[in-house]
Amino acid sequence: MPVEETDPETFAQVLRALMADYGASGSDVARAIDSSPSTVSTWLAGKRTPRDDAIRKLHEAYPKYSVQRLTAAAGRKAPAPLSPDAKQRLLNVFDQLTEDQQRILEIQAKALADSNRQSS
């Protein structure tokens, strides 16, 4: 039996679901993430999607909605969670690099992160 493919959720759909789940208005969401109601309105209209920092704030204010789900709905690749152990391992490696190597690695990592902002 063939599996039916569904269209991915849009950010506007996820935001509407979030607001319904939490009984929040657009103004409530804007206040919770230190944004303007007009910004939230543009997201609800599907005219724009939020930046990564706003997505993190949305998750912190409304934890039922993961950063991964919100980011995917915004049409970007979601960042993987990073455990404290993994952070420490990365810092240990980074500490062993020269200053030039650290700069190069930072540039490369930023380029990879930026590529996640492109539509999937």
PDB file of N, CA and C in Angstrom:
ATOM      1  N   MET A   1       0.836  -1.173   0.000  1.00  0.00           N
ATOM      2  CA  MET A   1       0.000   0.000   0.000  1.00  0.00           C
ATOM      3  C   MET A   1       0.888   1.245   0.000  1.00  0.00           C
ATOM      4  N   PRO A   2       0.733   2.158  -0.965  1.00  0.00           N
ATOM      5  CA  PRO A   2       1.612   3.317  -1.040  1.00  0.00           C
ATOM      6  C   PRO A   2       1.376   4.276   0.130  1.00  0.00           C
ATOM      7  N   VAL A   3       2.484   4.886   0.553  1.00  0.00           N
ATOM      8  CA  VAL A   3       2.416   5.867   1.628  1.00  0.00           C
ATOM      9  C   VAL A   3       2.114   7.226   1.023  1.00  0.00           C
ATOM     10  N   GLU A   4       1.098   7.879   1.551  1.00  0.00           N
ATOM     11  CA  GLU A   4       0.707   9.188   1.035  1.00  0.00           C
ATOM     12  C   GLU A   4       1.611  10.261   1.638  1.00  0.00           C
ATOM     13  N   GLU A   5       2.232  11.061   0.788  1.00  0.00           N
ATOM     14  CA  GLU A   5       3.092  12.135   1.261  1.00  0.00           C
ATOM     15  C   GLU A   5       2.242  13.368   1.527  1.00  0.00           C
ATOM     16  N   THR A   6       2.552  14.038   2.619  1.00  0.00           N
ATOM     17  CA  THR A   6       1.835  15.263   2.945  1.00  0.00           C
ATOM     18  C   THR A   6       2.799  16.436   2.832  1.00  0.00           C
ATOM     19  N   ASP A   7       2.229  17.597   2.579  1.00  0.00           N
ATOM     20  CA  ASP A   7       3.049  18.797   2.513  1.00  0.00           C
ATOM     21  C   ASP A   7       3.573  19.124   3.904  1.00  0.00           C
ATOM     22  N   PRO A   8       4.793  19.621   3.994  1.00  0.00           N
ATOM     23  CA  PRO A   8       5.318  19.986   5.309  1.00  0.00           C
ATOM     24  C   PRO A   8       4.520  21.156   5.900  1.00  0.00           C
ATOM     25  N   GLU A   9       4.526  21.231   7.221  1.00  0.00           N
ATOM     26  CA  GLU A   9       3.835  22.326   7.897  1.00  0.00           C
ATOM     27  C   GLU A   9       4.493  23.653   7.541  1.00  0.00           C
ATOM     28  N   THR A  10       3.682  24.658   7.358  1.00  0.00           N
ATOM     29  CA  THR A  10       4.232  25.996   7.185  1.00  0.00           C
ATOM     30  C   THR A  10       4.419  26.607   8.565  1.00  0.00           C
ATOM     31  N   PHE A  11       5.230  27.651   8.639  1.00  0.00           N
ATOM     32  CA  PHE A  11       5.418  28.293   9.925  1.00  0.00           C
ATOM     33  C   PHE A  11       4.111  28.895  10.426  1.00  0.00           C
ATOM     34  N   ALA A  12       3.334  29.470   9.522  1.00  0.00           N
ATOM     35  CA  ALA A  12       2.049  30.060   9.908  1.00  0.00           C
ATOM     36  C   ALA A  12       1.135  28.997  10.529  1.00  0.00           C
ATOM     37  N   GLN A  13       1.117  27.795   9.966  1.00  0.00           N
ATOM     38  CA  GLN A  13       0.290  26.717  10.517  1.00  0.00           C
ATOM     39  C   GLN A  13       0.759  26.325  11.917  1.00  0.00           C
ATOM     40  N   VAL A  14       2.053  26.195  12.080  1.00  0.00           N
ATOM     41  CA  VAL A  14       2.591  25.809  13.383  1.00  0.00           C
ATOM     42  C   VAL A  14       2.329  26.905  14.411  1.00  0.00           C
ATOM     43  N   LEU A  15       2.502  28.148  14.011  1.00  0.00           N
ATOM     44  CA  LEU A  15       2.266  29.253  14.935  1.00  0.00           C
ATOM     45  C   LEU A  15       0.785  29.300  15.346  1.00  0.00           C
ATOM     46  N   ARG A  16      -0.116  29.075  14.409  1.00  0.00           N
ATOM     47  CA  ARG A  16      -1.547  29.042  14.748  1.00  0.00           C
ATOM     48  C   ARG A  16      -1.833  27.908  15.735  1.00  0.00           C
ATOM     49  N   ALA A  17      -1.229  26.748  15.496  1.00  0.00           N
ATOM     50  CA  ALA A  17      -1.419  25.609  16.405  1.00  0.00           C
ATOM     51  C   ALA A  17      -0.865  25.927  17.796  1.00  0.00           C
ATOM     52  N   LEU A  18       0.298  26.548  17.845  1.00  0.00           N
ATOM     53  CA  LEU A  18       0.909  26.947  19.110  1.00  0.00           C
ATOM     54  C   LEU A  18      -0.030  27.885  19.862  1.00  0.00           C
ATOM     55  N   MET A  19      -0.549  28.877  19.166  1.00  0.00           N
ATOM     56  CA  MET A  19      -1.435  29.846  19.796  1.00  0.00           C
ATOM     57  C   MET A  19      -2.709  29.174  20.311  1.00  0.00           C
ATOM     58  N   ALA A  20      -3.240  28.235  19.545  1.00  0.00           N
ATOM     59  CA  ALA A  20      -4.441  27.516  19.983  1.00  0.00           C
ATOM     60  C   ALA A  20      -4.136  26.654  21.211  1.00  0.00           C
ATOM     61  N   ASP A  21      -3.013  25.927  21.177  1.00  0.00           N
ATOM     62  CA  ASP A  21      -2.633  25.063  22.302  1.00  0.00           C
ATOM     63  C   ASP A  21      -2.456  25.847  23.598  1.00  0.00           C
ATOM     64  N   TYR A  22      -1.888  27.021  23.489  1.00  0.00           N
ATOM     65  CA  TYR A  22      -1.598  27.823  24.673  1.00  0.00           C
ATOM     66  C   TYR A  22      -2.657  28.892  24.946  1.00  0.00           C
ATOM     67  N   GLY A  23      -3.661  28.996  24.085  1.00  0.00           N
ATOM     68  CA  GLY A  23      -4.682  30.025  24.254  1.00  0.00           C
ATOM     69  C   GLY A  23      -4.091  31.425  24.198  1.00  0.00           C
ATOM     70  N   ALA A  24      -3.125  31.600  23.320  1.00  0.00           N
ATOM     71  CA  ALA A  24      -2.393  32.863  23.216  1.00  0.00           C
ATOM     72  C   ALA A  24      -2.836  33.648  21.991  1.00  0.00           C
ATOM     73  N   SER A  25      -2.871  34.940  22.127  1.00  0.00           N
ATOM     74  CA  SER A  25      -3.145  35.827  20.985  1.00  0.00           C
ATOM     75  C   SER A  25      -1.816  36.207  20.337  1.00  0.00           C
ATOM     76  N   GLY A  26      -1.898  36.860  19.197  1.00  0.00           N
ATOM     77  CA  GLY A  26      -0.679  37.358  18.554  1.00  0.00           C
ATOM     78  C   GLY A  26       0.059  38.332  19.449  1.00  0.00           C
ATOM     79  N   SER A  27      -0.681  39.161  20.176  1.00  0.00           N
ATOM     80  CA  SER A  27      -0.060  40.106  21.110  1.00  0.00           C
ATOM     81  C   SER A  27       0.626  39.378  22.261  1.00  0.00           C
ATOM     82  N   ASP A  28      -0.003  38.285  22.740  1.00  0.00           N
ATOM     83  CA  ASP A  28       0.613  37.485  23.808  1.00  0.00           C
ATOM     84  C   ASP A  28       1.948  36.901  23.341  1.00  0.00           C
ATOM     85  N   VAL A  29       1.944  36.374  22.128  1.00  0.00           N
ATOM     86  CA  VAL A  29       3.169  35.788  21.567  1.00  0.00           C
ATOM     87  C   VAL A  29       4.237  36.870  21.431  1.00  0.00           C
ATOM     88  N   ALA A  30       3.852  38.011  20.895  1.00  0.00           N
ATOM     89  CA  ALA A  30       4.806  39.114  20.713  1.00  0.00           C
ATOM     90  C   ALA A  30       5.429  39.520  22.047  1.00  0.00           C
ATOM     91  N   ARG A  31       4.604  39.659  23.071  1.00  0.00           N
ATOM     92  CA  ARG A  31       5.129  40.024  24.398  1.00  0.00           C
ATOM     93  C   ARG A  31       6.066  38.949  24.940  1.00  0.00           C
ATOM     94  N   ALA A  32       5.687  37.688  24.754  1.00  0.00           N
ATOM     95  CA  ALA A  32       6.475  36.571  25.290  1.00  0.00           C
ATOM     96  C   ALA A  32       7.872  36.498  24.687  1.00  0.00           C
ATOM     97  N   ILE A  33       8.017  36.959  23.446  1.00  0.00           N
ATOM     98  CA  ILE A  33       9.322  36.844  22.778  1.00  0.00           C
ATOM     99  C   ILE A  33       9.963  38.205  22.542  1.00  0.00           C
ATOM    100  N   ASP A  34       9.390  39.244  23.161  1.00  0.00           N
ATOM    101  CA  ASP A  34       9.928  40.604  23.040  1.00  0.00           C
ATOM    102  C   ASP A  34       9.983  41.045  21.574  1.00  0.00           C
ATOM    103  N   SER A  35       8.836  40.906  20.909  1.00  0.00           N
ATOM    104  CA  SER A  35       8.715  41.293  19.512  1.00  0.00           C
ATOM    105  C   SER A  35       7.489  42.180  19.380  1.00  0.00           C
ATOM    106  N   SER A  36       7.173  42.558  18.158  1.00  0.00           N
ATOM    107  CA  SER A  36       6.000  43.409  17.949  1.00  0.00           C
ATOM    108  C   SER A  36       4.833  42.568  17.421  1.00  0.00           C
ATOM    109  N   PRO A  37       3.610  42.982  17.750  1.00  0.00           N
ATOM    110  CA  PRO A  37       2.443  42.279  17.206  1.00  0.00           C
ATOM    111  C   PRO A  37       2.428  42.273  15.676  1.00  0.00           C
ATOM    112  N   SER A  38       2.929  43.325  15.046  1.00  0.00           N
ATOM    113  CA  SER A  38       2.938  43.354  13.579  1.00  0.00           C
ATOM    114  C   SER A  38       3.886  42.295  13.009  1.00  0.00           C
ATOM    115  N   THR A  39       4.984  42.025  13.701  1.00  0.00           N
ATOM    116  CA  THR A  39       5.909  40.972  13.260  1.00  0.00           C
ATOM    117  C   THR A  39       5.219  39.620  13.326  1.00  0.00           C
ATOM    118  N   VAL A  40       4.562  39.356  14.450  1.00  0.00           N
ATOM    119  CA  VAL A  40       3.841  38.090  14.603  1.00  0.00           C
ATOM    120  C   VAL A  40       2.752  37.987  13.528  1.00  0.00           C
ATOM    121  N   SER A  41       2.098  39.091  13.224  1.00  0.00           N
ATOM    122  CA  SER A  41       1.063  39.114  12.198  1.00  0.00           C
ATOM    123  C   SER A  41       1.625  38.734  10.824  1.00  0.00           C
ATOM    124  N   THR A  42       2.834  39.205  10.505  1.00  0.00           N
ATOM    125  CA  THR A  42       3.431  38.843   9.207  1.00  0.00           C
ATOM    126  C   THR A  42       3.760  37.358   9.161  1.00  0.00           C
ATOM    127  N   TRP A  43       4.134  36.776  10.305  1.00  0.00           N
ATOM    128  CA  TRP A  43       4.383  35.334  10.357  1.00  0.00           C
ATOM    129  C   TRP A  43       3.083  34.576  10.146  1.00  0.00           C
ATOM    130  N   LEU A  44       2.014  35.031  10.803  1.00  0.00           N
ATOM    131  CA  LEU A  44       0.714  34.363  10.681  1.00  0.00           C
ATOM    132  C   LEU A  44       0.175  34.444   9.256  1.00  0.00           C
ATOM    133  N   ALA A  45       0.491  35.527   8.571  1.00  0.00           N
ATOM    134  CA  ALA A  45       0.047  35.704   7.180  1.00  0.00           C
ATOM    135  C   ALA A  45       0.928  34.931   6.200  1.00  0.00           C
ATOM    136  N   GLY A  46       2.017  34.360   6.684  1.00  0.00           N
ATOM    137  CA  GLY A  46       2.924  33.613   5.815  1.00  0.00           C
ATOM    138  C   GLY A  46       3.808  34.488   4.955  1.00  0.00           C
ATOM    139  N   LYS A  47       3.897  35.784   5.298  1.00  0.00           N
ATOM    140  CA  LYS A  47       4.717  36.707   4.508  1.00  0.00           C
ATOM    141  C   LYS A  47       6.203  36.601   4.851  1.00  0.00           C
ATOM    142  N   ARG A  48       6.485  36.232   6.081  1.00  0.00           N
ATOM    143  CA  ARG A  48       7.869  36.097   6.531  1.00  0.00           C
ATOM    144  C   ARG A  48       7.946  34.970   7.540  1.00  0.00           C
ATOM    145  N   THR A  49       9.170  34.547   7.824  1.00  0.00           N
ATOM    146  CA  THR A  49       9.404  33.581   8.895  1.00  0.00           C
ATOM    147  C   THR A  49      10.394  34.197   9.875  1.00  0.00           C
ATOM    148  N   PRO A  50      10.360  33.760  11.116  1.00  0.00           N
ATOM    149  CA  PRO A  50      11.231  34.367  12.121  1.00  0.00           C
ATOM    150  C   PRO A  50      12.689  33.965  11.975  1.00  0.00           C
ATOM    151  N   ARG A  51      13.544  34.826  12.516  1.00  0.00           N
ATOM    152  CA  ARG A  51      14.980  34.507  12.583  1.00  0.00           C
ATOM    153  C   ARG A  51      15.192  33.448  13.666  1.00  0.00           C
ATOM    154  N   ASP A  52      16.373  32.878  13.676  1.00  0.00           N
ATOM    155  CA  ASP A  52      16.693  31.808  14.625  1.00  0.00           C
ATOM    156  C   ASP A  52      16.539  32.250  16.080  1.00  0.00           C
ATOM    157  N   ASP A  53      16.917  33.491  16.395  1.00  0.00           N
ATOM    158  CA  ASP A  53      16.798  33.940  17.787  1.00  0.00           C
ATOM    159  C   ASP A  53      15.330  34.013  18.215  1.00  0.00           C
ATOM    160  N   ALA A  54      14.435  34.402  17.320  1.00  0.00           N
ATOM    161  CA  ALA A  54      13.004  34.441  17.643  1.00  0.00           C
ATOM    162  C   ALA A  54      12.454  33.027  17.798  1.00  0.00           C
ATOM    163  N   ILE A  55      12.952  32.102  16.997  1.00  0.00           N
ATOM    164  CA  ILE A  55      12.522  30.704  17.125  1.00  0.00           C
ATOM    165  C   ILE A  55      12.929  30.160  18.489  1.00  0.00           C
ATOM    166  N   ARG A  56      14.138  30.464  18.927  1.00  0.00           N
ATOM    167  CA  ARG A  56      14.581  30.003  20.255  1.00  0.00           C
ATOM    168  C   ARG A  56      13.703  30.601  21.356  1.00  0.00           C
ATOM    169  N   LYS A  57      13.373  31.877  21.221  1.00  0.00           N
ATOM    170  CA  LYS A  57      12.515  32.535  22.211  1.00  0.00           C
ATOM    171  C   LYS A  57      11.116  31.918  22.211  1.00  0.00           C
ATOM    172  N   LEU A  58      10.598  31.593  21.038  1.00  0.00           N
ATOM    173  CA  LEU A  58       9.293  30.934  20.959  1.00  0.00           C
ATOM    174  C   LEU A  58       9.317  29.601  21.700  1.00  0.00           C
ATOM    175  N   HIS A  59      10.356  28.831  21.470  1.00  0.00           N
ATOM    176  CA  HIS A  59      10.478  27.539  22.157  1.00  0.00           C
ATOM    177  C   HIS A  59      10.575  27.733  23.672  1.00  0.00           C
ATOM    178  N   GLU A  60      11.348  28.716  24.106  1.00  0.00           N
ATOM    179  CA  GLU A  60      11.493  28.948  25.546  1.00  0.00           C
ATOM    180  C   GLU A  60      10.168  29.373  26.174  1.00  0.00           C
ATOM    181  N   ALA A  61       9.390  30.195  25.464  1.00  0.00           N
ATOM    182  CA  ALA A  61       8.109  30.664  25.988  1.00  0.00           C
ATOM    183  C   ALA A  61       7.013  29.601  25.866  1.00  0.00           C
ATOM    184  N   TYR A  62       7.120  28.760  24.846  1.00  0.00           N
ATOM    185  CA  TYR A  62       6.099  27.749  24.558  1.00  0.00           C
ATOM    186  C   TYR A  62       6.789  26.406  24.334  1.00  0.00           C
ATOM    187  N   PRO A  63       7.248  25.764  25.410  1.00  0.00           N
ATOM    188  CA  PRO A  63       8.135  24.590  25.287  1.00  0.00           C
ATOM    189  C   PRO A  63       7.531  23.346  24.645  1.00  0.00           C
ATOM    190  N   LYS A  64       6.216  23.292  24.446  1.00  0.00           N
ATOM    191  CA  LYS A  64       5.642  22.136  23.732  1.00  0.00           C
ATOM    192  C   LYS A  64       6.101  22.119  22.275  1.00  0.00           C
ATOM    193  N   TYR A  65       6.584  23.252  21.784  1.00  0.00           N
ATOM    194  CA  TYR A  65       6.999  23.384  20.390  1.00  0.00           C
ATOM    195  C   TYR A  65       8.525  23.434  20.328  1.00  0.00           C
ATOM    196  N   SER A  66       9.111  22.393  19.777  1.00  0.00           N
ATOM    197  CA  SER A  66      10.574  22.271  19.757  1.00  0.00           C
ATOM    198  C   SER A  66      11.203  23.226  18.743  1.00  0.00           C
ATOM    199  N   VAL A  67      12.457  23.543  19.002  1.00  0.00           N
ATOM    200  CA  VAL A  67      13.229  24.352  18.055  1.00  0.00           C
ATOM    201  C   VAL A  67      13.266  23.640  16.707  1.00  0.00           C
ATOM    202  N   GLN A  68      13.382  22.322  16.725  1.00  0.00           N
ATOM    203  CA  GLN A  68      13.460  21.563  15.488  1.00  0.00           C
ATOM    204  C   GLN A  68      12.166  21.716  14.673  1.00  0.00           C
ATOM    205  N   ARG A  69      11.013  21.595  15.334  1.00  0.00           N
ATOM    206  CA  ARG A  69       9.735  21.722  14.609  1.00  0.00           C
ATOM    207  C   ARG A  69       9.549  23.140  14.085  1.00  0.00           C
ATOM    208  N   LEU A  70       9.841  24.133  14.918  1.00  0.00           N
ATOM    209  CA  LEU A  70       9.672  25.524  14.500  1.00  0.00           C
ATOM    210  C   LEU A  70      10.612  25.875  13.348  1.00  0.00           C
ATOM    211  N   THR A  71      11.850  25.424  13.443  1.00  0.00           N
ATOM    212  CA  THR A  71      12.835  25.713  12.399  1.00  0.00           C
ATOM    213  C   THR A  71      12.459  25.028  11.088  1.00  0.00           C
ATOM    214  N   ALA A  72      12.048  23.766  11.167  1.00  0.00           N
ATOM    215  CA  ALA A  72      11.637  23.039   9.962  1.00  0.00           C
ATOM    216  C   ALA A  72      10.434  23.723   9.311  1.00  0.00           C
ATOM    217  N   ALA A  73       9.483  24.180  10.129  1.00  0.00           N
ATOM    218  CA  ALA A  73       8.304  24.866   9.591  1.00  0.00           C
ATOM    219  C   ALA A  73       8.682  26.184   8.924  1.00  0.00           C
ATOM    220  N   ALA A  74       9.793  26.781   9.383  1.00  0.00           N
ATOM    221  CA  ALA A  74      10.283  28.022   8.774  1.00  0.00           C
ATOM    222  C   ALA A  74      11.043  27.742   7.478  1.00  0.00           C
ATOM    223  N   GLY A  75      11.155  26.457   7.111  1.00  0.00           N
ATOM    224  CA  GLY A  75      11.787  26.093   5.847  1.00  0.00           C
ATOM    225  C   GLY A  75      13.295  25.988   5.911  1.00  0.00           C
ATOM    226  N   ARG A  76      13.799  25.796   7.131  1.00  0.00           N
ATOM    227  CA  ARG A  76      15.248  25.672   7.288  1.00  0.00           C
ATOM    228  C   ARG A  76      15.583  24.348   7.962  1.00  0.00           C
ATOM    229  N   LYS A  77      16.816  23.943   7.825  1.00  0.00           N
ATOM    230  CA  LYS A  77      17.278  22.734   8.503  1.00  0.00           C
ATOM    231  C   LYS A  77      17.398  23.043   9.991  1.00  0.00           C
ATOM    232  N   ALA A  78      16.881  22.143  10.791  1.00  0.00           N
ATOM    233  CA  ALA A  78      16.885  22.350  12.238  1.00  0.00           C
ATOM    234  C   ALA A  78      18.235  21.971  12.837  1.00  0.00           C
ATOM    235  N   PRO A  79      18.730  22.783  13.768  1.00  0.00           N
ATOM    236  CA  PRO A  79      19.977  22.433  14.440  1.00  0.00           C
ATOM    237  C   PRO A  79      19.768  21.227  15.355  1.00  0.00           C
ATOM    238  N   ALA A  80      20.776  20.399  15.443  1.00  0.00           N
ATOM    239  CA  ALA A  80      20.702  19.244  16.333  1.00  0.00           C
ATOM    240  C   ALA A  80      20.967  19.705  17.762  1.00  0.00           C
ATOM    241  N   PRO A  81      20.339  19.050  18.718  1.00  0.00           N
ATOM    242  CA  PRO A  81      20.637  19.408  20.106  1.00  0.00           C
ATOM    243  C   PRO A  81      22.091  19.065  20.426  1.00  0.00           C
ATOM    244  N   LEU A  82      22.704  19.872  21.258  1.00  0.00           N
ATOM    245  CA  LEU A  82      24.106  19.670  21.625  1.00  0.00           C
ATOM    246  C   LEU A  82      24.189  19.481  23.132  1.00  0.00           C
ATOM    247  N   SER A  83      24.598  18.306  23.533  1.00  0.00           N
ATOM    248  CA  SER A  83      24.685  17.996  24.961  1.00  0.00           C
ATOM    249  C   SER A  83      25.868  18.737  25.581  1.00  0.00           C
ATOM    250  N   PRO A  84      25.843  18.926  26.894  1.00  0.00           N
ATOM    251  CA  PRO A  84      26.991  19.553  27.568  1.00  0.00           C
ATOM    252  C   PRO A  84      28.301  18.792  27.323  1.00  0.00           C
ATOM    253  N   ASP A  85      28.229  17.456  27.254  1.00  0.00           N
ATOM    254  CA  ASP A  85      29.436  16.662  26.983  1.00  0.00           C
ATOM    255  C   ASP A  85      29.982  16.952  25.590  1.00  0.00           C
ATOM    256  N   ALA A  86      29.091  17.041  24.619  1.00  0.00           N
ATOM    257  CA  ALA A  86      29.523  17.327  23.251  1.00  0.00           C
ATOM    258  C   ALA A  86      30.137  18.724  23.161  1.00  0.00           C
ATOM    259  N   LYS A  87      29.523  19.697  23.837  1.00  0.00           N
ATOM    260  CA  LYS A  87      30.091  21.052  23.858  1.00  0.00           C
ATOM    261  C   LYS A  87      31.495  21.034  24.434  1.00  0.00           C
ATOM    262  N   GLN A  88      31.680  20.312  25.515  1.00  0.00           N
ATOM    263  CA  GLN A  88      32.989  20.259  26.150  1.00  0.00           C
ATOM    264  C   GLN A  88      34.020  19.594  25.250  1.00  0.00           C
ATOM    265  N   ARG A  89      33.626  18.522  24.566  1.00  0.00           N
ATOM    266  CA  ARG A  89      34.555  17.860  23.632  1.00  0.00           C
ATOM    267  C   ARG A  89      34.968  18.814  22.522  1.00  0.00           C
ATOM    268  N   LEU A  90      34.012  19.573  21.997  1.00  0.00           N
ATOM    269  CA  LEU A  90      34.338  20.537  20.938  1.00  0.00           C
ATOM    270  C   LEU A  90      35.282  21.622  21.456  1.00  0.00           C
ATOM    271  N   LEU A  91      35.012  22.120  22.633  1.00  0.00           N
ATOM    272  CA  LEU A  91      35.895  23.140  23.209  1.00  0.00           C
ATOM    273  C   LEU A  91      37.299  22.598  23.468  1.00  0.00           C
ATOM    274  N   ASN A  92      37.390  21.347  23.904  1.00  0.00           N
ATOM    275  CA  ASN A  92      38.704  20.742  24.140  1.00  0.00           C
ATOM    276  C   ASN A  92      39.510  20.669  22.851  1.00  0.00           C
ATOM    277  N   VAL A  93      38.858  20.296  21.756  1.00  0.00           N
ATOM    278  CA  VAL A  93      39.546  20.252  20.463  1.00  0.00           C
ATOM    279  C   VAL A  93      39.921  21.667  20.038  1.00  0.00           C
ATOM    280  N   PHE A  94      38.994  22.596  20.150  1.00  0.00           N
ATOM    281  CA  PHE A  94      39.211  23.985  19.751  1.00  0.00           C
ATOM    282  C   PHE A  94      40.396  24.585  20.503  1.00  0.00           C
ATOM    283  N   ASP A  95      40.521  24.264  21.793  1.00  0.00           N
ATOM    284  CA  ASP A  95      41.617  24.780  22.616  1.00  0.00           C
ATOM    285  C   ASP A  95      42.987  24.297  22.148  1.00  0.00           C
ATOM    286  N   GLN A  96      43.031  23.235  21.367  1.00  0.00           N
ATOM    287  CA  GLN A  96      44.304  22.684  20.890  1.00  0.00           C
ATOM    288  C   GLN A  96      44.745  23.291  19.559  1.00  0.00           C
ATOM    289  N   LEU A  97      43.925  24.164  19.009  1.00  0.00           N
ATOM    290  CA  LEU A  97      44.230  24.761  17.706  1.00  0.00           C
ATOM    291  C   LEU A  97      44.961  26.084  17.869  1.00  0.00           C
ATOM    292  N   THR A  98      45.716  26.443  16.821  1.00  0.00           N
ATOM    293  CA  THR A  98      46.354  27.756  16.813  1.00  0.00           C
ATOM    294  C   THR A  98      45.278  28.820  16.609  1.00  0.00           C
ATOM    295  N   GLU A  99      45.652  30.072  16.825  1.00  0.00           N
ATOM    296  CA  GLU A  99      44.697  31.166  16.636  1.00  0.00           C
ATOM    297  C   GLU A  99      44.175  31.202  15.195  1.00  0.00           C
ATOM    298  N   ASP A 100      45.087  31.023  14.224  1.00  0.00           N
ATOM    299  CA  ASP A 100      44.669  31.005  12.816  1.00  0.00           C
ATOM    300  C   ASP A 100      43.724  29.838  12.531  1.00  0.00           C
ATOM    301  N   GLN A 101      44.028  28.673  13.069  1.00  0.00           N
ATOM    302  CA  GLN A 101      43.167  27.512  12.861  1.00  0.00           C
ATOM    303  C   GLN A 101      41.789  27.738  13.488  1.00  0.00           C
ATOM    304  N   GLN A 102      41.766  28.374  14.646  1.00  0.00           N
ATOM    305  CA  GLN A 102      40.485  28.677  15.296  1.00  0.00           C
ATOM    306  C   GLN A 102      39.635  29.601  14.430  1.00  0.00           C
ATOM    307  N   ARG A 103      40.274  30.622  13.856  1.00  0.00           N
ATOM    308  CA  ARG A 103      39.550  31.552  12.973  1.00  0.00           C
ATOM    309  C   ARG A 103      38.990  30.830  11.757  1.00  0.00           C
ATOM    310  N   ILE A 104      39.817  29.965  11.155  1.00  0.00           N
ATOM    311  CA  ILE A 104      39.385  29.213   9.977  1.00  0.00           C
ATOM    312  C   ILE A 104      38.204  28.305  10.325  1.00  0.00           C
ATOM    313  N   LEU A 105      38.312  27.606  11.435  1.00  0.00           N
ATOM    314  CA  LEU A 105      37.246  26.702  11.844  1.00  0.00           C
ATOM    315  C   LEU A 105      35.956  27.468  12.154  1.00  0.00           C
ATOM    316  N   GLU A 106      36.084  28.632  12.759  1.00  0.00           N
ATOM    317  CA  GLU A 106      34.911  29.455  13.050  1.00  0.00           C
ATOM    318  C   GLU A 106      34.223  29.895  11.756  1.00  0.00           C
ATOM    319  N   ILE A 107      35.012  30.308  10.771  1.00  0.00           N
ATOM    320  CA  ILE A 107      34.457  30.719   9.471  1.00  0.00           C
ATOM    321  C   ILE A 107      33.738  29.540   8.812  1.00  0.00           C
ATOM    322  N   GLN A 108      34.366  28.370   8.845  1.00  0.00           N
ATOM    323  CA  GLN A 108      33.756  27.190   8.237  1.00  0.00           C
ATOM    324  C   GLN A 108      32.462  26.804   8.953  1.00  0.00           C
ATOM    325  N   ALA A 109      32.475  26.832  10.274  1.00  0.00           N
ATOM    326  CA  ALA A 109      31.282  26.467  11.045  1.00  0.00           C
ATOM    327  C   ALA A 109      30.154  27.460  10.785  1.00  0.00           C
ATOM    328  N   LYS A 110      30.481  28.743  10.690  1.00  0.00           N
ATOM    329  CA  LYS A 110      29.464  29.760  10.407  1.00  0.00           C
ATOM    330  C   LYS A 110      28.865  29.533   9.025  1.00  0.00           C
ATOM    331  N   ALA A 111      29.701  29.183   8.051  1.00  0.00           N
ATOM    332  CA  ALA A 111      29.201  28.914   6.694  1.00  0.00           C
ATOM    333  C   ALA A 111      28.250  27.710   6.698  1.00  0.00           C
ATOM    334  N   LEU A 112      28.582  26.681   7.450  1.00  0.00           N
ATOM    335  CA  LEU A 112      27.696  25.523   7.551  1.00  0.00           C
ATOM    336  C   LEU A 112      26.367  25.903   8.196  1.00  0.00           C
ATOM    337  N   ALA A 113      26.435  26.668   9.283  1.00  0.00           N
ATOM    338  CA  ALA A 113      25.208  27.103   9.965  1.00  0.00           C
ATOM    339  C   ALA A 113      24.362  27.978   9.045  1.00  0.00           C
ATOM    340  N   ASP A 114      25.008  28.856   8.307  1.00  0.00           N
ATOM    341  CA  ASP A 114      24.279  29.727   7.373  1.00  0.00           C
ATOM    342  C   ASP A 114      23.595  28.915   6.276  1.00  0.00           C
ATOM    343  N   SER A 115      24.216  27.814   5.863  1.00  0.00           N
ATOM    344  CA  SER A 115      23.619  26.994   4.807  1.00  0.00           C
ATOM    345  C   SER A 115      22.306  26.350   5.290  1.00  0.00           C
ATOM    346  N   ASN A 116      22.123  26.212   6.598  1.00  0.00           N
ATOM    347  CA  ASN A 116      20.878  25.660   7.134  1.00  0.00           C
ATOM    348  C   ASN A 116      19.727  26.643   7.007  1.00  0.00           C
ATOM    349  N   ARG A 117      20.027  27.898   6.771  1.00  0.00           N
ATOM    350  CA  ARG A 117      18.983  28.914   6.632  1.00  0.00           C
ATOM    351  C   ARG A 117      18.371  28.889   5.243  1.00  0.00           C
ATOM    352  N   GLN A 118      19.032  28.214   4.319  1.00  0.00           N
ATOM    353  CA  GLN A 118      18.487  28.107   2.972  1.00  0.00           C
ATOM    354  C   GLN A 118      17.331  27.117   2.998  1.00  0.00           C
ATOM    355  N   SER A 119      16.371  27.289   2.138  1.00  0.00           N
ATOM    356  CA  SER A 119      15.225  26.369   2.070  1.00  0.00           C
ATOM    357  C   SER A 119      15.715  24.968   1.821  1.00  0.00           C
ATOM    358  N   SER A 120      15.101  24.053   2.526  1.00  0.00           N
ATOM    359  CA  SER A 120      15.481  22.633   2.379  1.00  0.00           C
ATOM    360  C   SER A 120      14.956  22.059   1.086  1.00  0.00           C
TER     361      SER A 120
END
